């Protein structure tokens, strides 16, 4: 019987695929119109090609820009960030001199704030804007927010440190101290806001001045805590030494506020003409004088007493829970 010769070995290995040699040819030669390589755009119908990615990136940038503008507009509505920059324009010599003024205000003169004319290139021609107050770094009588903010943080850390030195440290002490101090600041700012409404103070800069002045009491509180701790040998702010230091810092803070806030709440004719403020009537002036005395003497006495006792009260509360 005659048999056909077997196929060549190369041809047999080429046809091992169950789909024949045509499949191998199709795999070796990509289809027309498809670009080989790592570009996965054709697999998604060209959705992720360069042009589409650029359009998406531009749309994302536009959305982020719109969101930033919206946030800035809403933040500036409640927190005037450009105006706050003026209160943080300080220098090291100013901070040292201001701390000495807060603690030793007895012989300081004058208390009026310095005014400066804007540059001749200013586009405004309103006479009320010809004079502006100098920043804190150029005028020691100008209020700032750097010292109040740093004193607020220092007070919280110092109270926690003193609790640790007395063996009463607990993580909750810092939380309770910070909460109490922040609550006092919020209540005081709300009270100042209500007072400005009652006294018809609509100038935004005057409200920021009041907020800045409200934080200087933390300087006296810190001095009271440190000196009382040293003189009483860790016994706290009680005793004759603690009360003597507290009374001194309270009187110094009260005099500092009365002399400083006088030019904010009771502007005279000369300063109001230069700074764009309005002079107040006699009846309104009497009410502002009463508010100044009540805020500088009574309110500060209560808040400073609470702050100097807050550390020991927080330690007792935490100790009672434990």
C-alpha atoms as a PDB file:
ATOM      1  CA  UNK A   1       0.000   0.000   0.000  1.00  0.00           C
ATOM      2  CA  UNK A   2       1.236   3.369  -0.990  1.00  0.00           C
ATOM      3  CA  UNK A   3       1.356   6.098   1.737  1.00  0.00           C
ATOM      4  CA  UNK A   4       1.911   9.821   1.362  1.00  0.00           C
ATOM      5  CA  UNK A   5       5.093  11.180   2.873  1.00  0.00           C
ATOM      6  CA  UNK A   6       4.771  12.968   6.219  1.00  0.00           C
ATOM      7  CA  UNK A   7       4.763  16.773   6.185  1.00  0.00           C
ATOM      8  CA  UNK A   8       7.964  18.631   7.001  1.00  0.00           C
ATOM      9  CA  UNK A   9       8.758  19.222  10.684  1.00  0.00           C
ATOM     10  CA  UNK A  10       8.767  23.026  10.370  1.00  0.00           C
ATOM     11  CA  UNK A  11       5.372  23.042   8.761  1.00  0.00           C
ATOM     12  CA  UNK A  12       3.958  20.804  11.500  1.00  0.00           C
ATOM     13  CA  UNK A  13       5.222  22.999  14.331  1.00  0.00           C
ATOM     14  CA  UNK A  14       3.882  26.047  12.566  1.00  0.00           C
ATOM     15  CA  UNK A  15       0.408  24.508  12.432  1.00  0.00           C
ATOM     16  CA  UNK A  16       0.282  23.355  16.082  1.00  0.00           C
ATOM     17  CA  UNK A  17      -2.235  26.044  16.841  1.00  0.00           C
ATOM     18  CA  UNK A  18      -5.791  24.773  16.715  1.00  0.00           C
ATOM     19  CA  UNK A  19      -6.694  27.774  14.620  1.00  0.00           C
ATOM     20  CA  UNK A  20      -4.123  27.207  11.983  1.00  0.00           C
ATOM     21  CA  UNK A  21      -1.418  29.432  10.606  1.00  0.00           C
ATOM     22  CA  UNK A  22      -3.733  32.347   9.882  1.00  0.00           C
ATOM     23  CA  UNK A  23      -4.023  33.126  13.581  1.00  0.00           C
ATOM     24  CA  UNK A  24      -0.281  33.372  13.946  1.00  0.00           C
ATOM     25  CA  UNK A  25      -0.154  35.749  11.018  1.00  0.00           C
ATOM     26  CA  UNK A  26      -2.898  37.869  12.571  1.00  0.00           C
ATOM     27  CA  UNK A  27      -1.036  37.991  15.902  1.00  0.00           C
ATOM     28  CA  UNK A  28       2.234  38.978  14.278  1.00  0.00           C
ATOM     29  CA  UNK A  29       0.665  41.713  12.169  1.00  0.00           C
ATOM     30  CA  UNK A  30      -1.521  44.198  14.105  1.00  0.00           C
ATOM     31  CA  UNK A  31      -4.693  45.357  12.508  1.00  0.00           C
ATOM     32  CA  UNK A  32      -4.568  48.476  10.419  1.00  0.00           C
ATOM     33  CA  UNK A  33      -5.344  51.758  12.223  1.00  0.00           C
ATOM     34  CA  UNK A  34      -4.166  50.530  15.667  1.00  0.00           C
ATOM     35  CA  UNK A  35      -0.959  51.999  17.107  1.00  0.00           C
ATOM     36  CA  UNK A  36       1.201  49.441  18.910  1.00  0.00           C
ATOM     37  CA  UNK A  37       2.622  50.366  22.302  1.00  0.00           C
ATOM     38  CA  UNK A  38       1.388  51.275  25.755  1.00  0.00           C
ATOM     39  CA  UNK A  39      -1.297  53.677  24.528  1.00  0.00           C
ATOM     40  CA  UNK A  40      -4.581  52.385  25.908  1.00  0.00           C
ATOM     41  CA  UNK A  41      -6.676  55.124  24.365  1.00  0.00           C
ATOM     42  CA  UNK A  42      -8.064  53.032  21.464  1.00  0.00           C
ATOM     43  CA  UNK A  43      -9.292  50.404  23.891  1.00  0.00           C
ATOM     44  CA  UNK A  44     -11.706  53.031  25.276  1.00  0.00           C
ATOM     45  CA  UNK A  45     -12.803  54.399  21.976  1.00  0.00           C
ATOM     46  CA  UNK A  46     -10.294  57.317  22.073  1.00  0.00           C
ATOM     47  CA  UNK A  47     -11.788  58.739  25.274  1.00  0.00           C
ATOM     48  CA  UNK A  48      -8.426  59.178  27.012  1.00  0.00           C
ATOM     49  CA  UNK A  49      -6.455  60.686  24.162  1.00  0.00           C
ATOM     50  CA  UNK A  50      -4.311  63.820  24.663  1.00  0.00           C
ATOM     51  CA  UNK A  51      -6.914  66.345  23.586  1.00  0.00           C
ATOM     52  CA  UNK A  52      -9.561  65.021  25.944  1.00  0.00           C
ATOM     53  CA  UNK A  53      -7.111  64.859  28.862  1.00  0.00           C
ATOM     54  CA  UNK A  54      -6.119  68.486  28.325  1.00  0.00           C
ATOM     55  CA  UNK A  55      -9.761  69.572  28.271  1.00  0.00           C
ATOM     56  CA  UNK A  56     -10.437  67.684  31.500  1.00  0.00           C
ATOM     57  CA  UNK A  57      -7.381  69.191  33.157  1.00  0.00           C
ATOM     58  CA  UNK A  58      -8.477  72.694  32.163  1.00  0.00           C
ATOM     59  CA  UNK A  59     -11.972  72.076  33.475  1.00  0.00           C
ATOM     60  CA  UNK A  60     -10.512  70.845  36.754  1.00  0.00           C
ATOM     61  CA  UNK A  61      -8.366  73.950  37.081  1.00  0.00           C
ATOM     62  CA  UNK A  62     -11.373  76.166  36.420  1.00  0.00           C
ATOM     63  CA  UNK A  63     -13.428  74.339  39.043  1.00  0.00           C
ATOM     64  CA  UNK A  64     -10.642  74.676  41.642  1.00  0.00           C
ATOM     65  CA  UNK A  65     -10.260  78.381  40.865  1.00  0.00           C
ATOM     66  CA  UNK A  66     -13.987  78.997  41.233  1.00  0.00           C
ATOM     67  CA  UNK A  67     -13.992  77.111  44.527  1.00  0.00           C
ATOM     68  CA  UNK A  68     -11.077  79.161  45.871  1.00  0.00           C
ATOM     69  CA  UNK A  69     -12.766  82.416  44.913  1.00  0.00           C
ATOM     70  CA  UNK A  70     -15.985  81.296  46.576  1.00  0.00           C
ATOM     71  CA  UNK A  71     -14.154  80.351  49.777  1.00  0.00           C
ATOM     72  CA  UNK A  72     -12.224  83.636  49.855  1.00  0.00           C
ATOM     73  CA  UNK A  73     -15.393  85.658  49.387  1.00  0.00           C
ATOM     74  CA  UNK A  74     -17.233  83.844  52.179  1.00  0.00           C
ATOM     75  CA  UNK A  75     -14.247  83.898  54.543  1.00  0.00           C
ATOM     76  CA  UNK A  76     -13.651  87.599  53.957  1.00  0.00           C
ATOM     77  CA  UNK A  77     -17.321  88.211  54.701  1.00  0.00           C
ATOM     78  CA  UNK A  78     -16.879  87.027  58.291  1.00  0.00           C
ATOM     79  CA  UNK A  79     -13.094  87.244  58.810  1.00  0.00           C
ATOM     80  CA  UNK A  80     -11.468  90.280  57.139  1.00  0.00           C
ATOM     81  CA  UNK A  81      -8.142  88.688  56.279  1.00  0.00           C
ATOM     82  CA  UNK A  82      -6.620  91.823  54.638  1.00  0.00           C
ATOM     83  CA  UNK A  83      -7.394  93.835  57.769  1.00  0.00           C
ATOM     84  CA  UNK A  84      -5.893  91.170  60.025  1.00  0.00           C
ATOM     85  CA  UNK A  85      -2.520  91.515  58.312  1.00  0.00           C
ATOM     86  CA  UNK A  86      -2.214  94.986  59.823  1.00  0.00           C
ATOM     87  CA  UNK A  87      -2.476  93.551  63.350  1.00  0.00           C
ATOM     88  CA  UNK A  88       0.294  90.993  62.772  1.00  0.00           C
ATOM     89  CA  UNK A  89       2.776  93.494  61.316  1.00  0.00           C
ATOM     90  CA  UNK A  90       5.073  93.474  64.352  1.00  0.00           C
ATOM     91  CA  UNK A  91       8.793  93.385  65.096  1.00  0.00           C
ATOM     92  CA  UNK A  92      10.902  92.060  67.968  1.00  0.00           C
ATOM     93  CA  UNK A  93      11.590  95.513  69.505  1.00  0.00           C
ATOM     94  CA  UNK A  94       7.872  96.300  69.366  1.00  0.00           C
ATOM     95  CA  UNK A  95       6.946  93.047  71.148  1.00  0.00           C
ATOM     96  CA  UNK A  96       9.431  93.698  73.966  1.00  0.00           C
ATOM     97  CA  UNK A  97       8.333  97.313  74.417  1.00  0.00           C
ATOM     98  CA  UNK A  98       4.662  96.338  74.283  1.00  0.00           C
ATOM     99  CA  UNK A  99       5.082  93.695  76.976  1.00  0.00           C
ATOM    100  CA  UNK A 100       6.751  96.242  79.228  1.00  0.00           C
ATOM    101  CA  UNK A 101       3.945  98.703  78.519  1.00  0.00           C
ATOM    102  CA  UNK A 102       1.255  96.163  79.437  1.00  0.00           C
ATOM    103  CA  UNK A 103       2.998  95.331  82.727  1.00  0.00           C
ATOM    104  CA  UNK A 104       4.192  98.863  83.588  1.00  0.00           C
ATOM    105  CA  UNK A 105       1.715 101.390  82.116  1.00  0.00           C
ATOM    106  CA  UNK A 106       1.948 103.889  84.974  1.00  0.00           C
ATOM    107  CA  UNK A 107       4.192 106.567  83.471  1.00  0.00           C
ATOM    108  CA  UNK A 108       3.635 106.040  79.755  1.00  0.00           C
ATOM    109  CA  UNK A 109       2.714 109.067  77.622  1.00  0.00           C
ATOM    110  CA  UNK A 110       1.234 109.750  75.130  1.00  0.00           C
ATOM    111  CA  UNK A 111      -1.452 107.100  74.571  1.00  0.00           C
ATOM    112  CA  UNK A 112      -2.793 108.391  71.241  1.00  0.00           C
ATOM    113  CA  UNK A 113      -2.046 106.384  68.125  1.00  0.00           C
ATOM    114  CA  UNK A 114       0.232 107.771  65.449  1.00  0.00           C
ATOM    115  CA  UNK A 115      -1.247 108.581  62.045  1.00  0.00           C
ATOM    116  CA  UNK A 116       0.400 108.617  58.655  1.00  0.00           C
ATOM    117  CA  UNK A 117      -0.629 109.957  55.273  1.00  0.00           C
ATOM    118  CA  UNK A 118      -0.905 107.520  52.383  1.00  0.00           C
ATOM    119  CA  UNK A 119       1.331 107.888  49.391  1.00  0.00           C
ATOM    120  CA  UNK A 120       0.562 110.482  46.729  1.00  0.00           C
ATOM    121  CA  UNK A 121      -0.154 107.675  44.282  1.00  0.00           C
ATOM    122  CA  UNK A 122      -3.181 106.580  46.252  1.00  0.00           C
ATOM    123  CA  UNK A 123      -6.230 106.545  43.948  1.00  0.00           C
ATOM    124  CA  UNK A 124      -8.571 107.627  46.726  1.00  0.00           C
ATOM    125  CA  UNK A 125      -9.429 111.325  47.039  1.00  0.00           C
ATOM    126  CA  UNK A 126     -11.700 111.014  50.041  1.00  0.00           C
ATOM    127  CA  UNK A 127     -10.462 113.358  52.804  1.00  0.00           C
ATOM    128  CA  UNK A 128     -11.391 110.798  55.450  1.00  0.00           C
ATOM    129  CA  UNK A 129      -8.793 108.382  54.046  1.00  0.00           C
ATOM    130  CA  UNK A 130      -5.911 110.842  53.964  1.00  0.00           C
ATOM    131  CA  UNK A 131      -4.808 109.600  57.388  1.00  0.00           C
ATOM    132  CA  UNK A 132      -4.330 105.987  58.394  1.00  0.00           C
ATOM    133  CA  UNK A 133      -2.952 104.473  61.576  1.00  0.00           C
ATOM    134  CA  UNK A 134       0.611 103.214  61.548  1.00  0.00           C
ATOM    135  CA  UNK A 135       1.135  99.439  61.924  1.00  0.00           C
ATOM    136  CA  UNK A 136       2.137  98.082  65.331  1.00  0.00           C
ATOM    137  CA  UNK A 137       5.813  97.785  64.435  1.00  0.00           C
ATOM    138  CA  UNK A 138       5.942 101.572  63.927  1.00  0.00           C
ATOM    139  CA  UNK A 139       3.706 102.639  66.819  1.00  0.00           C
ATOM    140  CA  UNK A 140       3.804 101.171  70.311  1.00  0.00           C
ATOM    141  CA  UNK A 141       0.270 102.427  71.018  1.00  0.00           C
ATOM    142  CA  UNK A 142      -1.174 100.478  68.108  1.00  0.00           C
ATOM    143  CA  UNK A 143      -2.970  97.247  69.093  1.00  0.00           C
ATOM    144  CA  UNK A 144      -1.746  93.955  67.671  1.00  0.00           C
ATOM    145  CA  UNK A 145      -2.951  90.377  67.679  1.00  0.00           C
ATOM    146  CA  UNK A 146       0.431  88.670  67.741  1.00  0.00           C
ATOM    147  CA  UNK A 147       0.966  89.109  71.486  1.00  0.00           C
ATOM    148  CA  UNK A 148      -2.610  88.059  72.439  1.00  0.00           C
ATOM    149  CA  UNK A 149      -2.461  84.925  70.272  1.00  0.00           C
ATOM    150  CA  UNK A 150       0.971  83.875  71.540  1.00  0.00           C
ATOM    151  CA  UNK A 151      -0.039  84.653  75.127  1.00  0.00           C
ATOM    152  CA  UNK A 152      -3.171  82.519  74.716  1.00  0.00           C
ATOM    153  CA  UNK A 153      -1.135  79.517  73.540  1.00  0.00           C
ATOM    154  CA  UNK A 154       1.528  80.075  76.210  1.00  0.00           C
ATOM    155  CA  UNK A 155      -1.128  80.172  78.910  1.00  0.00           C
ATOM    156  CA  UNK A 156      -2.464  76.749  77.912  1.00  0.00           C
ATOM    157  CA  UNK A 157       1.000  75.174  77.797  1.00  0.00           C
ATOM    158  CA  UNK A 158       2.076  76.824  81.065  1.00  0.00           C
ATOM    159  CA  UNK A 159      -1.031  75.644  82.913  1.00  0.00           C
ATOM    160  CA  UNK A 160      -0.406  72.096  81.729  1.00  0.00           C
ATOM    161  CA  UNK A 161       3.257  72.318  82.778  1.00  0.00           C
ATOM    162  CA  UNK A 162       2.375  73.550  86.257  1.00  0.00           C
ATOM    163  CA  UNK A 163      -0.115  70.708  86.662  1.00  0.00           C
ATOM    164  CA  UNK A 164       2.630  68.268  85.725  1.00  0.00           C
ATOM    165  CA  UNK A 165       5.073  69.761  88.231  1.00  0.00           C
ATOM    166  CA  UNK A 166       2.489  69.266  90.967  1.00  0.00           C
ATOM    167  CA  UNK A 167       1.965  65.649  89.975  1.00  0.00           C
ATOM    168  CA  UNK A 168      -1.553  66.265  88.690  1.00  0.00           C
ATOM    169  CA  UNK A 169      -0.867  66.030  84.970  1.00  0.00           C
ATOM    170  CA  UNK A 170      -3.432  64.326  82.779  1.00  0.00           C
ATOM    171  CA  UNK A 171      -4.159  64.765  79.076  1.00  0.00           C
ATOM    172  CA  UNK A 172      -7.608  66.068  79.975  1.00  0.00           C
ATOM    173  CA  UNK A 173      -6.082  68.992  81.894  1.00  0.00           C
ATOM    174  CA  UNK A 174      -4.817  70.569  78.684  1.00  0.00           C
ATOM    175  CA  UNK A 175      -8.176  70.026  76.995  1.00  0.00           C
ATOM    176  CA  UNK A 176     -10.162  71.517  79.856  1.00  0.00           C
ATOM    177  CA  UNK A 177      -7.817  74.500  80.170  1.00  0.00           C
ATOM    178  CA  UNK A 178      -7.918  75.215  76.438  1.00  0.00           C
ATOM    179  CA  UNK A 179     -11.705  74.869  76.379  1.00  0.00           C
ATOM    180  CA  UNK A 180     -12.184  77.231  79.303  1.00  0.00           C
ATOM    181  CA  UNK A 181      -9.781  79.845  77.889  1.00  0.00           C
ATOM    182  CA  UNK A 182     -11.376  79.652  74.459  1.00  0.00           C
ATOM    183  CA  UNK A 183     -14.855  79.944  75.974  1.00  0.00           C
ATOM    184  CA  UNK A 184     -13.805  83.085  77.863  1.00  0.00           C
ATOM    185  CA  UNK A 185     -12.420  84.606  74.661  1.00  0.00           C
ATOM    186  CA  UNK A 186     -15.603  83.788  72.722  1.00  0.00           C
ATOM    187  CA  UNK A 187     -17.869  85.194  75.455  1.00  0.00           C
ATOM    188  CA  UNK A 188     -15.768  88.342  75.635  1.00  0.00           C
ATOM    189  CA  UNK A 189     -15.814  88.852  71.856  1.00  0.00           C
ATOM    190  CA  UNK A 190     -19.593  88.336  71.777  1.00  0.00           C
ATOM    191  CA  UNK A 191     -19.941  90.839  74.588  1.00  0.00           C
ATOM    192  CA  UNK A 192     -17.792  93.333  72.687  1.00  0.00           C
ATOM    193  CA  UNK A 193     -19.887  92.760  69.579  1.00  0.00           C
ATOM    194  CA  UNK A 194     -23.053  93.423  71.554  1.00  0.00           C
ATOM    195  CA  UNK A 195     -21.470  96.477  73.133  1.00  0.00           C
ATOM    196  CA  UNK A 196     -20.492  97.925  69.757  1.00  0.00           C
ATOM    197  CA  UNK A 197     -24.094  97.446  68.608  1.00  0.00           C
ATOM    198  CA  UNK A 198     -25.495  99.192  71.680  1.00  0.00           C
ATOM    199  CA  UNK A 199     -22.949 102.015  71.436  1.00  0.00           C
ATOM    200  CA  UNK A 200     -23.497 102.449  67.680  1.00  0.00           C
ATOM    201  CA  UNK A 201     -19.921 101.566  66.745  1.00  0.00           C
ATOM    202  CA  UNK A 202     -20.147 100.507  63.130  1.00  0.00           C
ATOM    203  CA  UNK A 203     -16.489 100.933  62.210  1.00  0.00           C
ATOM    204  CA  UNK A 204     -14.986  97.517  61.523  1.00  0.00           C
ATOM    205  CA  UNK A 205     -11.480  98.597  62.563  1.00  0.00           C
ATOM    206  CA  UNK A 206     -12.765  99.681  65.975  1.00  0.00           C
ATOM    207  CA  UNK A 207     -14.249  96.208  66.562  1.00  0.00           C
ATOM    208  CA  UNK A 208     -10.927  94.564  65.620  1.00  0.00           C
ATOM    209  CA  UNK A 209      -9.153  96.928  68.002  1.00  0.00           C
ATOM    210  CA  UNK A 210     -11.429  95.804  70.825  1.00  0.00           C
ATOM    211  CA  UNK A 211     -10.776  92.137  70.005  1.00  0.00           C
ATOM    212  CA  UNK A 212      -7.022  92.772  70.015  1.00  0.00           C
ATOM    213  CA  UNK A 213      -7.112  94.617  73.344  1.00  0.00           C
ATOM    214  CA  UNK A 214      -9.153  91.823  74.937  1.00  0.00           C
ATOM    215  CA  UNK A 215      -6.219  89.392  74.626  1.00  0.00           C
ATOM    216  CA  UNK A 216      -3.630  91.380  76.569  1.00  0.00           C
ATOM    217  CA  UNK A 217      -4.950  90.094  79.895  1.00  0.00           C
ATOM    218  CA  UNK A 218      -3.226  86.758  79.198  1.00  0.00           C
ATOM    219  CA  UNK A 219       0.127  88.525  79.685  1.00  0.00           C
ATOM    220  CA  UNK A 220      -0.788  89.467  83.252  1.00  0.00           C
ATOM    221  CA  UNK A 221      -2.233  86.015  83.892  1.00  0.00           C
ATOM    222  CA  UNK A 222       1.005  84.325  82.764  1.00  0.00           C
ATOM    223  CA  UNK A 223       3.123  86.592  84.973  1.00  0.00           C
ATOM    224  CA  UNK A 224       0.827  85.863  87.922  1.00  0.00           C
ATOM    225  CA  UNK A 225       1.071  82.097  87.445  1.00  0.00           C
ATOM    226  CA  UNK A 226       4.859  82.066  87.086  1.00  0.00           C
ATOM    227  CA  UNK A 227       5.730  84.414  89.973  1.00  0.00           C
ATOM    228  CA  UNK A 228       3.145  82.898  92.308  1.00  0.00           C
ATOM    229  CA  UNK A 229       4.478  79.430  91.587  1.00  0.00           C
ATOM    230  CA  UNK A 230       8.020  80.555  92.408  1.00  0.00           C
ATOM    231  CA  UNK A 231       7.209  82.563  95.537  1.00  0.00           C
ATOM    232  CA  UNK A 232       4.704  80.064  96.935  1.00  0.00           C
ATOM    233  CA  UNK A 233       7.017  77.125  96.160  1.00  0.00           C
ATOM    234  CA  UNK A 234       4.493  75.207  94.117  1.00  0.00           C
ATOM    235  CA  UNK A 235       1.466  76.053  96.238  1.00  0.00           C
ATOM    236  CA  UNK A 236      -0.332  77.818  93.374  1.00  0.00           C
ATOM    237  CA  UNK A 237      -1.700  81.338  93.176  1.00  0.00           C
ATOM    238  CA  UNK A 238      -3.065  81.420  96.700  1.00  0.00           C
ATOM    239  CA  UNK A 239      -1.539  83.139  99.710  1.00  0.00           C
ATOM    240  CA  UNK A 240      -0.468  86.747 100.147  1.00  0.00           C
ATOM    241  CA  UNK A 241       2.158  86.499  97.401  1.00  0.00           C
ATOM    242  CA  UNK A 242      -0.254  85.180  94.794  1.00  0.00           C
ATOM    243  CA  UNK A 243      -2.938  87.717  95.627  1.00  0.00           C
ATOM    244  CA  UNK A 244      -0.447  90.597  95.626  1.00  0.00           C
ATOM    245  CA  UNK A 245       0.843  89.683  92.171  1.00  0.00           C
ATOM    246  CA  UNK A 246      -2.680  89.154  90.878  1.00  0.00           C
ATOM    247  CA  UNK A 247      -3.862  92.552  92.139  1.00  0.00           C
ATOM    248  CA  UNK A 248      -0.867  94.282  90.556  1.00  0.00           C
ATOM    249  CA  UNK A 249      -1.293  92.642  87.139  1.00  0.00           C
ATOM    250  CA  UNK A 250      -5.021  93.298  87.245  1.00  0.00           C
ATOM    251  CA  UNK A 251      -4.563  97.004  88.012  1.00  0.00           C
ATOM    252  CA  UNK A 252      -1.873  97.317  85.349  1.00  0.00           C
ATOM    253  CA  UNK A 253      -4.126  95.661  82.757  1.00  0.00           C
ATOM    254  CA  UNK A 254      -7.108  97.808  83.785  1.00  0.00           C
ATOM    255  CA  UNK A 255      -5.127 101.051  83.462  1.00  0.00           C
ATOM    256  CA  UNK A 256      -3.659  99.915  80.144  1.00  0.00           C
ATOM    257  CA  UNK A 257      -7.121  99.185  78.738  1.00  0.00           C
ATOM    258  CA  UNK A 258      -8.702 102.392  80.009  1.00  0.00           C
ATOM    259  CA  UNK A 259      -5.954 104.580  78.553  1.00  0.00           C
ATOM    260  CA  UNK A 260      -5.792 102.672  75.254  1.00  0.00           C
ATOM    261  CA  UNK A 261      -9.516 102.170  74.642  1.00  0.00           C
ATOM    262  CA  UNK A 262     -10.224 105.805  75.368  1.00  0.00           C
ATOM    263  CA  UNK A 263      -9.058 106.692  71.858  1.00  0.00           C
ATOM    264  CA  UNK A 264     -11.139 103.861  70.369  1.00  0.00           C
ATOM    265  CA  UNK A 265     -14.453 104.415  72.136  1.00  0.00           C
ATOM    266  CA  UNK A 266     -14.120 108.151  72.836  1.00  0.00           C
ATOM    267  CA  UNK A 267     -12.366 109.741  69.853  1.00  0.00           C
ATOM    268  CA  UNK A 268     -11.837 113.464  70.156  1.00  0.00           C
ATOM    269  CA  UNK A 269     -12.332 116.006  67.407  1.00  0.00           C
ATOM    270  CA  UNK A 270      -8.723 116.075  66.235  1.00  0.00           C
ATOM    271  CA  UNK A 271      -8.237 112.311  66.026  1.00  0.00           C
ATOM    272  CA  UNK A 272     -11.648 111.697  64.475  1.00  0.00           C
ATOM    273  CA  UNK A 273     -10.981 114.213  61.731  1.00  0.00           C
ATOM    274  CA  UNK A 274      -7.731 112.531  60.841  1.00  0.00           C
ATOM    275  CA  UNK A 275      -8.759 108.908  61.145  1.00  0.00           C
ATOM    276  CA  UNK A 276     -12.183 109.143  59.565  1.00  0.00           C
ATOM    277  CA  UNK A 277     -14.068 108.536  62.829  1.00  0.00           C
ATOM    278  CA  UNK A 278     -17.193 110.367  63.844  1.00  0.00           C
ATOM    279  CA  UNK A 279     -17.391 112.365  67.032  1.00  0.00           C
ATOM    280  CA  UNK A 280     -20.014 111.145  69.482  1.00  0.00           C
ATOM    281  CA  UNK A 281     -22.739 113.116  71.218  1.00  0.00           C
ATOM    282  CA  UNK A 282     -22.660 113.885  74.919  1.00  0.00           C
ATOM    283  CA  UNK A 283     -25.213 111.210  75.886  1.00  0.00           C
ATOM    284  CA  UNK A 284     -23.496 108.613  73.719  1.00  0.00           C
ATOM    285  CA  UNK A 285     -20.146 109.619  75.170  1.00  0.00           C
ATOM    286  CA  UNK A 286     -21.433 109.019  78.698  1.00  0.00           C
ATOM    287  CA  UNK A 287     -22.642 105.542  77.802  1.00  0.00           C
ATOM    288  CA  UNK A 288     -19.309 104.707  76.186  1.00  0.00           C
ATOM    289  CA  UNK A 289     -17.485 105.935  79.283  1.00  0.00           C
ATOM    290  CA  UNK A 290     -19.577 103.653  81.469  1.00  0.00           C
ATOM    291  CA  UNK A 291     -18.984 100.735  79.115  1.00  0.00           C
ATOM    292  CA  UNK A 292     -15.225 101.432  79.168  1.00  0.00           C
ATOM    293  CA  UNK A 293     -15.095 101.476  82.960  1.00  0.00           C
ATOM    294  CA  UNK A 294     -17.242  98.335  83.303  1.00  0.00           C
ATOM    295  CA  UNK A 295     -15.262  96.398  80.716  1.00  0.00           C
ATOM    296  CA  UNK A 296     -11.800  97.446  81.941  1.00  0.00           C
ATOM    297  CA  UNK A 297     -12.472  96.974  85.657  1.00  0.00           C
ATOM    298  CA  UNK A 298     -15.281  94.493  86.310  1.00  0.00           C
ATOM    299  CA  UNK A 299     -15.115  92.175  83.295  1.00  0.00           C
ATOM    300  CA  UNK A 300     -11.335  91.887  83.331  1.00  0.00           C
ATOM    301  CA  UNK A 301     -11.312  91.195  87.076  1.00  0.00           C
ATOM    302  CA  UNK A 302     -13.711  88.260  86.697  1.00  0.00           C
ATOM    303  CA  UNK A 303     -12.001  86.764  83.649  1.00  0.00           C
ATOM    304  CA  UNK A 304      -8.461  87.127  85.022  1.00  0.00           C
ATOM    305  CA  UNK A 305      -9.490  85.510  88.315  1.00  0.00           C
ATOM    306  CA  UNK A 306     -11.030  82.551  86.470  1.00  0.00           C
ATOM    307  CA  UNK A 307      -7.951  82.123  84.279  1.00  0.00           C
ATOM    308  CA  UNK A 308      -5.527  82.153  87.204  1.00  0.00           C
ATOM    309  CA  UNK A 309      -7.584  79.460  88.979  1.00  0.00           C
ATOM    310  CA  UNK A 310      -8.438  77.402  85.909  1.00  0.00           C
ATOM    311  CA  UNK A 311      -5.418  75.096  86.128  1.00  0.00           C
ATOM    312  CA  UNK A 312      -6.171  73.993  89.700  1.00  0.00           C
ATOM    313  CA  UNK A 313      -9.877  73.625  88.942  1.00  0.00           C
ATOM    314  CA  UNK A 314      -9.144  71.470  85.880  1.00  0.00           C
ATOM    315  CA  UNK A 315      -6.794  69.284  87.927  1.00  0.00           C
ATOM    316  CA  UNK A 316      -9.479  68.771  90.588  1.00  0.00           C
ATOM    317  CA  UNK A 317     -12.075  67.859  87.994  1.00  0.00           C
ATOM    318  CA  UNK A 318      -9.778  65.324  86.341  1.00  0.00           C
ATOM    319  CA  UNK A 319      -8.682  63.970  89.756  1.00  0.00           C
ATOM    320  CA  UNK A 320     -12.291  63.467  90.765  1.00  0.00           C
ATOM    321  CA  UNK A 321     -12.975  61.422  87.642  1.00  0.00           C
ATOM    322  CA  UNK A 322      -9.919  59.250  88.161  1.00  0.00           C
END
